[in-house]
Amino acid sequence: MTDADENSIEVTLLGRNYRVTCGDGEREALLQAVAYLDGKMNEIKRNGKVAGTERVAVMAALNIAHELLSVKVGGGLDLGQVKRRISAIEAKLDAALAQQEKLF
């Protein structure tokens, strides 16, 4: 067994298995992140507005980024502007996904 094998674990996101490498002492934090992300992805899938694992993952990433930026304070960050940009990105993604769904 190599060092990479010793530092990797298998995780499941939206029913799919992935092998992920993590550093010493990071396993618990990684498992918490996986559980959080899996919950977000399942929530999006349950709502039924987004289909496909990749699309669900993108929307989950956007939602989590939005959450992070909403709680982050200081550093000269204009949260209002960030929220508007994320909303604009979500609208563009929704429009692009709607056009793509018409193709199928």
N, C-alpha and C. Protein backbone atom coordinates (compact mmCIF):
# COMPACT_ATOMS: atom_id res chain seq x y z
N MET A 1 0.85 -1.18 0.00
CA MET A 1 0.00 0.00 0.00
C MET A 1 0.89 1.24 0.00
N THR A 2 0.59 2.20 -0.88
CA THR A 2 1.38 3.43 -0.97
C THR A 2 0.83 4.46 0.00
N ASP A 3 1.60 5.55 0.18
CA ASP A 3 1.14 6.64 1.04
C ASP A 3 -0.18 7.21 0.56
N ALA A 4 -0.33 7.33 -0.77
CA ALA A 4 -1.58 7.87 -1.32
C ALA A 4 -2.76 6.98 -0.96
N ASP A 5 -2.55 5.65 -0.99
CA ASP A 5 -3.62 4.72 -0.63
C ASP A 5 -3.99 4.87 0.85
N GLU A 6 -3.00 5.08 1.69
CA GLU A 6 -3.25 5.22 3.13
C GLU A 6 -4.00 6.50 3.45
N ASN A 7 -3.84 7.53 2.64
CA ASN A 7 -4.48 8.81 2.88
C ASN A 7 -5.75 9.01 2.06
N SER A 8 -6.23 7.97 1.40
CA SER A 8 -7.44 8.14 0.61
C SER A 8 -8.59 7.36 1.25
N ILE A 9 -9.77 7.91 1.07
CA ILE A 9 -10.98 7.25 1.56
C ILE A 9 -12.02 7.29 0.45
N GLU A 10 -12.95 6.38 0.52
CA GLU A 10 -14.04 6.36 -0.44
C GLU A 10 -15.24 7.07 0.18
N VAL A 11 -15.80 8.01 -0.58
CA VAL A 11 -16.96 8.75 -0.12
C VAL A 11 -18.08 8.58 -1.15
N THR A 12 -19.30 8.85 -0.71
CA THR A 12 -20.45 8.73 -1.59
C THR A 12 -21.19 10.06 -1.65
N LEU A 13 -21.40 10.53 -2.86
CA LEU A 13 -22.15 11.76 -3.10
C LEU A 13 -23.25 11.44 -4.10
N LEU A 14 -24.47 11.66 -3.71
CA LEU A 14 -25.62 11.44 -4.57
C LEU A 14 -25.63 10.02 -5.14
N GLY A 15 -25.23 9.07 -4.29
CA GLY A 15 -25.24 7.67 -4.67
C GLY A 15 -24.06 7.20 -5.49
N ARG A 16 -23.13 8.07 -5.76
CA ARG A 16 -21.94 7.70 -6.55
C ARG A 16 -20.72 7.71 -5.65
N ASN A 17 -19.85 6.74 -5.82
CA ASN A 17 -18.66 6.61 -4.99
C ASN A 17 -17.47 7.33 -5.63
N TYR A 18 -16.70 7.98 -4.77
CA TYR A 18 -15.50 8.69 -5.19
C TYR A 18 -14.38 8.37 -4.21
N ARG A 19 -13.17 8.22 -4.73
CA ARG A 19 -11.99 8.05 -3.87
C ARG A 19 -11.32 9.40 -3.75
N VAL A 20 -11.13 9.85 -2.51
CA VAL A 20 -10.60 11.17 -2.22
C VAL A 20 -9.40 11.04 -1.30
N THR A 21 -8.37 11.80 -1.60
CA THR A 21 -7.18 11.82 -0.75
C THR A 21 -7.33 12.94 0.28
N CYS A 22 -6.96 12.65 1.51
CA CYS A 22 -7.01 13.68 2.53
C CYS A 22 -5.76 13.57 3.40
N GLY A 23 -5.36 14.68 3.93
CA GLY A 23 -4.16 14.73 4.76
C GLY A 23 -4.40 14.15 6.13
N ASP A 24 -3.31 13.93 6.84
CA ASP A 24 -3.39 13.42 8.21
C ASP A 24 -4.23 14.36 9.06
N GLY A 25 -5.13 13.81 9.82
CA GLY A 25 -5.95 14.60 10.71
C GLY A 25 -7.11 15.33 10.04
N GLU A 26 -7.31 15.13 8.75
CA GLU A 26 -8.37 15.82 8.03
C GLU A 26 -9.56 14.93 7.71
N ARG A 27 -9.49 13.67 8.07
CA ARG A 27 -10.53 12.72 7.69
C ARG A 27 -11.91 13.12 8.22
N GLU A 28 -11.99 13.49 9.49
CA GLU A 28 -13.28 13.83 10.08
C GLU A 28 -13.87 15.07 9.41
N ALA A 29 -13.04 16.07 9.16
CA ALA A 29 -13.51 17.29 8.50
C ALA A 29 -13.98 16.99 7.08
N LEU A 30 -13.25 16.13 6.38
CA LEU A 30 -13.65 15.74 5.03
C LEU A 30 -15.00 15.01 5.06
N LEU A 31 -15.17 14.10 5.99
CA LEU A 31 -16.43 13.36 6.09
C LEU A 31 -17.60 14.29 6.41
N GLN A 32 -17.35 15.30 7.23
CA GLN A 32 -18.40 16.28 7.52
C GLN A 32 -18.74 17.09 6.27
N ALA A 33 -17.72 17.47 5.51
CA ALA A 33 -17.95 18.21 4.27
C ALA A 33 -18.72 17.36 3.26
N VAL A 34 -18.37 16.08 3.17
CA VAL A 34 -19.07 15.16 2.27
C VAL A 34 -20.54 15.04 2.68
N ALA A 35 -20.78 14.89 3.96
CA ALA A 35 -22.17 14.77 4.45
C ALA A 35 -22.96 16.03 4.14
N TYR A 36 -22.35 17.18 4.33
CA TYR A 36 -23.02 18.45 4.06
C TYR A 36 -23.33 18.60 2.58
N LEU A 37 -22.32 18.33 1.73
CA LEU A 37 -22.50 18.44 0.29
C LEU A 37 -23.53 17.43 -0.21
N ASP A 38 -23.47 16.21 0.28
CA ASP A 38 -24.44 15.19 -0.13
C ASP A 38 -25.85 15.62 0.25
N GLY A 39 -26.01 16.20 1.43
CA GLY A 39 -27.32 16.70 1.84
C GLY A 39 -27.82 17.79 0.92
N LYS A 40 -26.95 18.73 0.56
CA LYS A 40 -27.33 19.81 -0.36
C LYS A 40 -27.71 19.26 -1.73
N MET A 41 -26.91 18.31 -2.22
CA MET A 41 -27.18 17.74 -3.53
C MET A 41 -28.51 16.98 -3.54
N ASN A 42 -28.76 16.22 -2.49
CA ASN A 42 -30.03 15.48 -2.40
C ASN A 42 -31.22 16.43 -2.29
N GLU A 43 -31.04 17.53 -1.57
CA GLU A 43 -32.10 18.53 -1.44
C GLU A 43 -32.45 19.12 -2.81
N ILE A 44 -31.44 19.45 -3.59
CA ILE A 44 -31.66 20.01 -4.92
C ILE A 44 -32.33 18.99 -5.82
N LYS A 45 -31.87 17.75 -5.74
CA LYS A 45 -32.46 16.69 -6.57
C LYS A 45 -33.92 16.46 -6.18
N ARG A 46 -34.22 16.47 -4.88
CA ARG A 46 -35.60 16.26 -4.41
C ARG A 46 -36.52 17.36 -4.90
N ASN A 47 -36.01 18.59 -4.96
CA ASN A 47 -36.83 19.70 -5.43
C ASN A 47 -37.22 19.54 -6.90
N GLY A 48 -36.47 18.73 -7.64
CA GLY A 48 -36.83 18.38 -9.00
C GLY A 48 -36.63 19.44 -10.05
N LYS A 49 -36.00 20.55 -9.71
CA LYS A 49 -35.81 21.62 -10.69
C LYS A 49 -34.57 21.39 -11.54
N VAL A 50 -33.66 20.55 -11.07
CA VAL A 50 -32.39 20.33 -11.77
C VAL A 50 -32.20 18.83 -11.95
N ALA A 51 -31.85 18.42 -13.16
CA ALA A 51 -31.61 17.01 -13.44
C ALA A 51 -30.14 16.79 -13.80
N GLY A 52 -29.66 15.62 -13.56
CA GLY A 52 -28.28 15.29 -13.90
C GLY A 52 -27.32 15.59 -12.77
N THR A 53 -26.45 14.65 -12.50
CA THR A 53 -25.51 14.78 -11.39
C THR A 53 -24.64 16.02 -11.50
N GLU A 54 -24.14 16.28 -12.69
CA GLU A 54 -23.25 17.44 -12.87
C GLU A 54 -23.99 18.74 -12.59
N ARG A 55 -25.20 18.86 -13.07
CA ARG A 55 -25.99 20.07 -12.84
C ARG A 55 -26.32 20.24 -11.36
N VAL A 56 -26.67 19.13 -10.72
CA VAL A 56 -26.97 19.18 -9.29
C VAL A 56 -25.73 19.63 -8.52
N ALA A 57 -24.56 19.11 -8.90
CA ALA A 57 -23.31 19.48 -8.24
C ALA A 57 -23.00 20.97 -8.41
N VAL A 58 -23.24 21.50 -9.61
CA VAL A 58 -22.98 22.92 -9.86
C VAL A 58 -23.90 23.77 -9.01
N MET A 59 -25.17 23.42 -8.97
CA MET A 59 -26.13 24.21 -8.18
C MET A 59 -25.79 24.12 -6.69
N ALA A 60 -25.39 22.94 -6.22
CA ALA A 60 -25.00 22.79 -4.82
C ALA A 60 -23.77 23.65 -4.53
N ALA A 61 -22.81 23.66 -5.44
CA ALA A 61 -21.62 24.48 -5.25
C ALA A 61 -21.98 25.96 -5.19
N LEU A 62 -22.88 26.40 -6.05
CA LEU A 62 -23.31 27.80 -6.02
C LEU A 62 -24.02 28.13 -4.72
N ASN A 63 -24.88 27.24 -4.27
CA ASN A 63 -25.60 27.48 -3.01
C ASN A 63 -24.65 27.55 -1.83
N ILE A 64 -23.68 26.64 -1.79
CA ILE A 64 -22.72 26.63 -0.69
C ILE A 64 -21.82 27.87 -0.75
N ALA A 65 -21.41 28.27 -1.95
CA ALA A 65 -20.62 29.49 -2.09
C ALA A 65 -21.43 30.70 -1.61
N HIS A 66 -22.70 30.72 -1.94
CA HIS A 66 -23.58 31.80 -1.50
C HIS A 66 -23.67 31.83 0.02
N GLU A 67 -23.84 30.67 0.63
CA GLU A 67 -23.89 30.59 2.09
C GLU A 67 -22.59 31.10 2.71
N LEU A 68 -21.48 30.66 2.16
CA LEU A 68 -20.17 31.08 2.68
C LEU A 68 -20.00 32.59 2.60
N LEU A 69 -20.33 33.14 1.46
CA LEU A 69 -20.17 34.58 1.29
C LEU A 69 -21.17 35.36 2.13
N SER A 70 -22.30 34.79 2.43
CA SER A 70 -23.30 35.47 3.26
C SER A 70 -22.85 35.59 4.72
N VAL A 71 -22.07 34.63 5.19
CA VAL A 71 -21.63 34.67 6.58
C VAL A 71 -20.25 35.29 6.74
N LYS A 72 -19.53 35.41 5.66
CA LYS A 72 -18.19 35.99 5.71
C LYS A 72 -18.31 37.50 5.90
N VAL A 73 -17.56 38.02 6.83
CA VAL A 73 -17.64 39.46 7.10
C VAL A 73 -16.25 40.06 7.02
N GLY A 74 -16.21 41.37 6.83
CA GLY A 74 -14.93 42.08 6.81
C GLY A 74 -14.20 41.91 5.50
N GLY A 75 -12.96 42.39 5.49
CA GLY A 75 -12.11 42.25 4.32
C GLY A 75 -12.54 43.10 3.14
N GLY A 76 -13.43 44.07 3.37
CA GLY A 76 -13.85 44.94 2.28
C GLY A 76 -14.77 44.27 1.28
N LEU A 77 -15.32 43.12 1.62
CA LEU A 77 -16.19 42.38 0.72
C LEU A 77 -17.58 43.02 0.72
N ASP A 78 -18.07 43.35 -0.46
CA ASP A 78 -19.42 43.91 -0.60
C ASP A 78 -20.38 42.75 -0.78
N LEU A 79 -21.00 42.32 0.32
CA LEU A 79 -21.88 41.15 0.26
C LEU A 79 -23.07 41.37 -0.65
N GLY A 80 -23.60 42.57 -0.68
CA GLY A 80 -24.72 42.86 -1.56
C GLY A 80 -24.37 42.63 -3.02
N GLN A 81 -23.19 43.10 -3.40
CA GLN A 81 -22.73 42.93 -4.78
C GLN A 81 -22.50 41.45 -5.08
N VAL A 82 -21.91 40.73 -4.15
CA VAL A 82 -21.66 39.30 -4.35
C VAL A 82 -22.97 38.56 -4.51
N LYS A 83 -23.96 38.87 -3.68
CA LYS A 83 -25.27 38.22 -3.78
C LYS A 83 -25.93 38.51 -5.12
N ARG A 84 -25.81 39.74 -5.59
CA ARG A 84 -26.39 40.09 -6.90
C ARG A 84 -25.70 39.31 -8.01
N ARG A 85 -24.40 39.18 -7.93
CA ARG A 85 -23.66 38.43 -8.96
C ARG A 85 -24.03 36.96 -8.93
N ILE A 86 -24.17 36.39 -7.75
CA ILE A 86 -24.56 34.98 -7.65
C ILE A 86 -25.97 34.79 -8.19
N SER A 87 -26.87 35.71 -7.90
CA SER A 87 -28.23 35.63 -8.44
C SER A 87 -28.21 35.71 -9.96
N ALA A 88 -27.38 36.58 -10.50
CA ALA A 88 -27.27 36.71 -11.96
C ALA A 88 -26.72 35.42 -12.57
N ILE A 89 -25.73 34.83 -11.92
CA ILE A 89 -25.16 33.56 -12.40
C ILE A 89 -26.21 32.46 -12.34
N GLU A 90 -26.96 32.39 -11.24
CA GLU A 90 -28.02 31.39 -11.13
C GLU A 90 -29.06 31.56 -12.22
N ALA A 91 -29.43 32.80 -12.53
CA ALA A 91 -30.40 33.06 -13.59
C ALA A 91 -29.87 32.60 -14.95
N LYS A 92 -28.60 32.89 -15.21
CA LYS A 92 -27.99 32.45 -16.47
C LYS A 92 -27.94 30.93 -16.55
N LEU A 93 -27.59 30.28 -15.44
CA LEU A 93 -27.56 28.82 -15.42
C LEU A 93 -28.96 28.24 -15.66
N ASP A 94 -29.96 28.81 -15.01
CA ASP A 94 -31.33 28.35 -15.20
C ASP A 94 -31.75 28.48 -16.66
N ALA A 95 -31.42 29.61 -17.28
CA ALA A 95 -31.76 29.83 -18.68
C ALA A 95 -31.04 28.84 -19.59
N ALA A 96 -29.75 28.62 -19.31
CA ALA A 96 -28.97 27.68 -20.13
C ALA A 96 -29.49 26.25 -19.96
N LEU A 97 -29.83 25.89 -18.74
CA LEU A 97 -30.35 24.55 -18.49
C LEU A 97 -31.72 24.36 -19.14
N ALA A 98 -32.54 25.40 -19.12
CA ALA A 98 -33.85 25.31 -19.75
C ALA A 98 -33.71 25.12 -21.26
N GLN A 99 -32.77 25.82 -21.89
CA GLN A 99 -32.55 25.64 -23.32
C GLN A 99 -32.04 24.25 -23.63
N GLN A 100 -31.16 23.74 -22.77
CA GLN A 100 -30.60 22.41 -23.00
C GLN A 100 -31.66 21.33 -22.84
N GLU A 101 -32.56 21.52 -21.88
CA GLU A 101 -33.62 20.54 -21.66
C GLU A 101 -34.54 20.46 -22.86
N LYS A 102 -34.73 21.54 -23.59
CA LYS A 102 -35.57 21.53 -24.79
C LYS A 102 -34.98 20.64 -25.88
N LEU A 103 -33.66 20.43 -25.85
CA LEU A 103 -33.02 19.61 -26.85
C LEU A 103 -33.33 18.13 -26.68
N PHE A 104 -33.74 17.75 -25.47
CA PHE A 104 -34.00 16.34 -25.20
C PHE A 104 -35.43 16.10 -25.08
